[in-house]
Protein backbone atom coordinates (compact mmCIF):
# COMPACT_ATOMS: atom_id res chain seq x y z
CA MET A 1 100.10 95.72 25.91
CA ILE A 2 99.46 99.12 23.87
CA ILE A 3 99.24 99.04 20.57
CA ASN A 4 100.20 101.77 18.33
CA VAL A 5 97.24 101.73 15.51
CA LYS A 6 98.75 104.14 13.46
CA GLU A 7 102.35 102.40 13.36
CA PHE A 8 100.34 99.06 12.57
CA VAL A 9 98.35 100.67 10.18
CA MET A 10 101.39 102.11 7.79
CA GLN A 11 103.84 99.08 8.31
CA THR A 12 100.91 96.95 7.00
CA LEU A 13 100.48 99.17 4.13
CA ILE A 14 104.43 99.19 3.28
CA ARG A 15 104.62 95.30 2.94
CA ASN A 16 101.11 94.68 1.36
CA CYS A 17 102.17 97.40 -1.03
CA LEU A 18 106.14 95.70 -1.29
CA ALA A 19 104.44 92.44 -2.17
CA ALA A 20 101.96 94.21 -4.47
CA ILE A 21 104.86 95.55 -6.46
CA LEU A 22 106.84 92.37 -6.14
CA PHE A 23 104.02 89.93 -7.49
CA GLY A 24 103.63 92.41 -9.87
CA ILE A 25 107.31 92.23 -11.25
CA LEU A 26 106.83 88.39 -11.67
CA LEU A 27 103.95 89.08 -13.38
CA SER A 28 105.05 91.16 -16.11
CA MET A 29 108.51 89.04 -16.08
CA PRO A 30 108.06 87.03 -19.82
CA VAL A 31 109.76 83.33 -19.00
CA SER A 32 109.14 80.45 -21.80
CA LEU A 33 109.38 76.79 -19.99
CA ALA A 34 111.61 76.21 -23.20
CA HIS A 35 113.92 78.91 -22.20
CA ALA A 36 114.41 78.44 -18.70
CA GLN A 37 115.24 74.65 -19.51
CA GLU A 38 117.42 75.54 -21.89
CA ALA A 39 120.78 78.33 -22.14
CA PRO A 40 121.36 79.40 -25.60
CA HIS A 41 125.12 77.44 -25.75
CA VAL A 42 123.02 74.01 -25.00
CA ARG A 43 121.10 73.08 -27.84
CA TYR A 44 119.34 69.67 -26.45
CA GLN A 45 116.50 69.92 -29.43
CA GLU A 46 119.75 68.88 -31.36
CA ILE A 47 121.16 65.89 -29.34
CA ARG A 48 120.37 62.52 -30.84
CA GLU A 49 120.21 59.21 -29.40
CA GLY A 50 123.75 57.81 -29.98
CA ALA A 51 125.48 61.39 -29.65
CA TYR A 52 129.53 61.29 -29.01
CA SER A 53 129.46 62.87 -25.47
CA VAL A 54 132.55 62.59 -23.49
CA VAL A 55 133.73 63.02 -19.76
CA ALA A 56 137.35 63.57 -19.25
CA GLN A 57 139.75 64.79 -16.29
CA VAL A 58 142.56 66.02 -15.67
CA ARG A 59 144.82 66.97 -12.49
CA ALA A 60 147.23 69.97 -11.71
CA LYS A 61 150.35 69.36 -10.30
CA PRO A 62 150.95 70.39 -6.80
CA GLY A 63 151.88 74.49 -7.40
CA LYS A 64 150.23 74.42 -10.45
CA GLU A 65 146.23 74.88 -10.02
CA ASP A 66 146.01 78.05 -10.67
CA ALA A 67 147.93 77.93 -14.12
CA LEU A 68 146.23 75.20 -15.50
CA ARG A 69 143.10 76.67 -14.35
CA ALA A 70 144.34 79.98 -16.06
CA ALA A 71 144.54 77.68 -19.19
CA THR A 72 141.35 75.79 -19.06
CA LEU A 73 138.91 78.57 -18.46
CA SER A 74 139.78 80.15 -21.58
CA LEU A 75 138.90 77.09 -23.64
CA ILE A 76 135.17 77.62 -22.50
CA ALA A 77 134.45 80.50 -24.81
CA LEU A 78 136.00 79.02 -27.52
CA VAL A 79 134.71 75.32 -27.22
CA ARG A 80 131.12 76.85 -26.51
CA GLY A 81 131.56 78.68 -30.17
CA ASP A 82 131.99 75.64 -31.98
CA PRO A 83 129.34 75.37 -33.78
CA LYS A 84 129.54 71.42 -34.18
CA ASN A 85 130.18 71.27 -30.15
CA LEU A 86 126.47 70.80 -28.55
CA VAL A 87 127.31 71.18 -24.74
CA TYR A 88 130.50 71.73 -22.84
CA PHE A 89 131.06 71.97 -19.03
CA LEU A 90 134.19 72.64 -17.18
CA GLN A 91 133.93 71.72 -13.51
CA GLU A 92 136.66 71.97 -10.88
CA ASP A 93 136.28 69.77 -7.68
CA ARG A 94 135.65 71.83 -4.82
CA ALA A 95 137.47 69.92 -2.10
CA LYS A 96 140.07 69.25 -4.64
CA PRO A 97 141.24 72.20 -6.36
CA GLY A 98 143.15 71.89 -9.95
CA HIS A 99 140.98 68.55 -10.58
CA PHE A 100 139.22 69.67 -13.30
CA VAL A 101 136.70 67.74 -15.17
CA PHE A 102 134.85 68.10 -18.30
CA TYR A 103 131.31 67.41 -20.11
CA GLU A 104 130.90 67.50 -23.69
CA ILE A 105 128.50 66.43 -26.53
CA PHE A 106 129.05 66.25 -30.03
CA ALA A 107 126.74 64.97 -32.45
CA SER A 108 129.48 62.31 -33.66
CA GLN A 109 132.86 61.00 -33.16
CA ALA A 110 134.11 62.78 -36.22
CA ASP A 111 132.93 66.34 -34.62
CA PHE A 112 134.62 65.60 -31.41
CA GLU A 113 137.61 64.33 -33.16
CA ALA A 114 137.51 67.19 -35.43
CA HIS A 115 137.22 69.67 -32.11
CA ASN A 116 140.27 68.16 -30.24
CA ALA A 117 142.33 68.77 -33.54
CA MET A 118 141.46 72.26 -33.22
CA PRO A 119 144.84 74.65 -32.64
CA TYR A 120 143.70 76.26 -29.07
CA VAL A 121 142.95 72.50 -28.34
CA GLN A 122 146.08 71.47 -29.63
CA GLU A 123 147.70 74.54 -27.73
CA TRP A 124 146.20 73.53 -24.24
CA PHE A 125 147.43 69.80 -24.71
CA GLY A 126 150.97 70.91 -24.96
CA LYS A 127 151.07 72.99 -21.79
CA LEU A 128 149.82 69.60 -19.59
CA PRO A 129 152.69 68.31 -19.56
CA GLU A 130 154.07 71.54 -17.08
CA LEU A 131 150.89 71.92 -15.72
CA ALA A 132 148.82 68.13 -15.04
CA ASP A 133 149.80 65.26 -12.97
CA GLY A 134 149.24 61.92 -15.97
CA GLY A 135 147.67 62.93 -19.26
CA VAL A 136 143.57 63.51 -19.89
CA GLU A 137 141.36 60.70 -18.80
CA VAL A 138 138.57 60.12 -21.26
CA MET A 139 135.22 58.48 -21.05
CA ARG A 140 133.98 57.99 -24.10
CA LEU A 141 130.22 57.62 -24.13
CA ALA A 142 126.77 57.58 -26.04
CA ILE A 143 123.84 59.79 -25.52
CA LEU A 144 121.13 56.98 -24.94
CA GLY A 145 117.40 57.87 -24.83
CA GLU A 146 114.42 58.96 -27.42
CA SER A 147 115.19 61.62 -30.12
CA LYS A 148 113.13 64.73 -29.49
CA LYS A 149 112.66 65.25 -33.46
């Protein structure tokens, strides 16, 4: 086997340079642990034991999956923008398109009820008879654990 020394040295230099550049980039990126663990809209520090948590689901009528998805996606920015909302996630079942699951946390039941009274939420509820197979199934939960403050 004949080794081309010049080619080998060049490839080694290029690999080492790329590795050094990538390492330098990684070192220069400021990442605080708190920032890595918490997105700006998820305010874990405000979630106390006993906070009001909701897991809800709604299923689209056959053929209405896209319409329900479009109507429901518009809620994300609105709910996350609500100062009383601490956490909000909208999820869709990968195996059953049109089956949506909500995960929400509010400091209190009163905050959750105020959220449900918002015009955009009421408008969404008004679309459900046409788009959803049945109503919204809701589990109302209490957050467990120690207070962080």
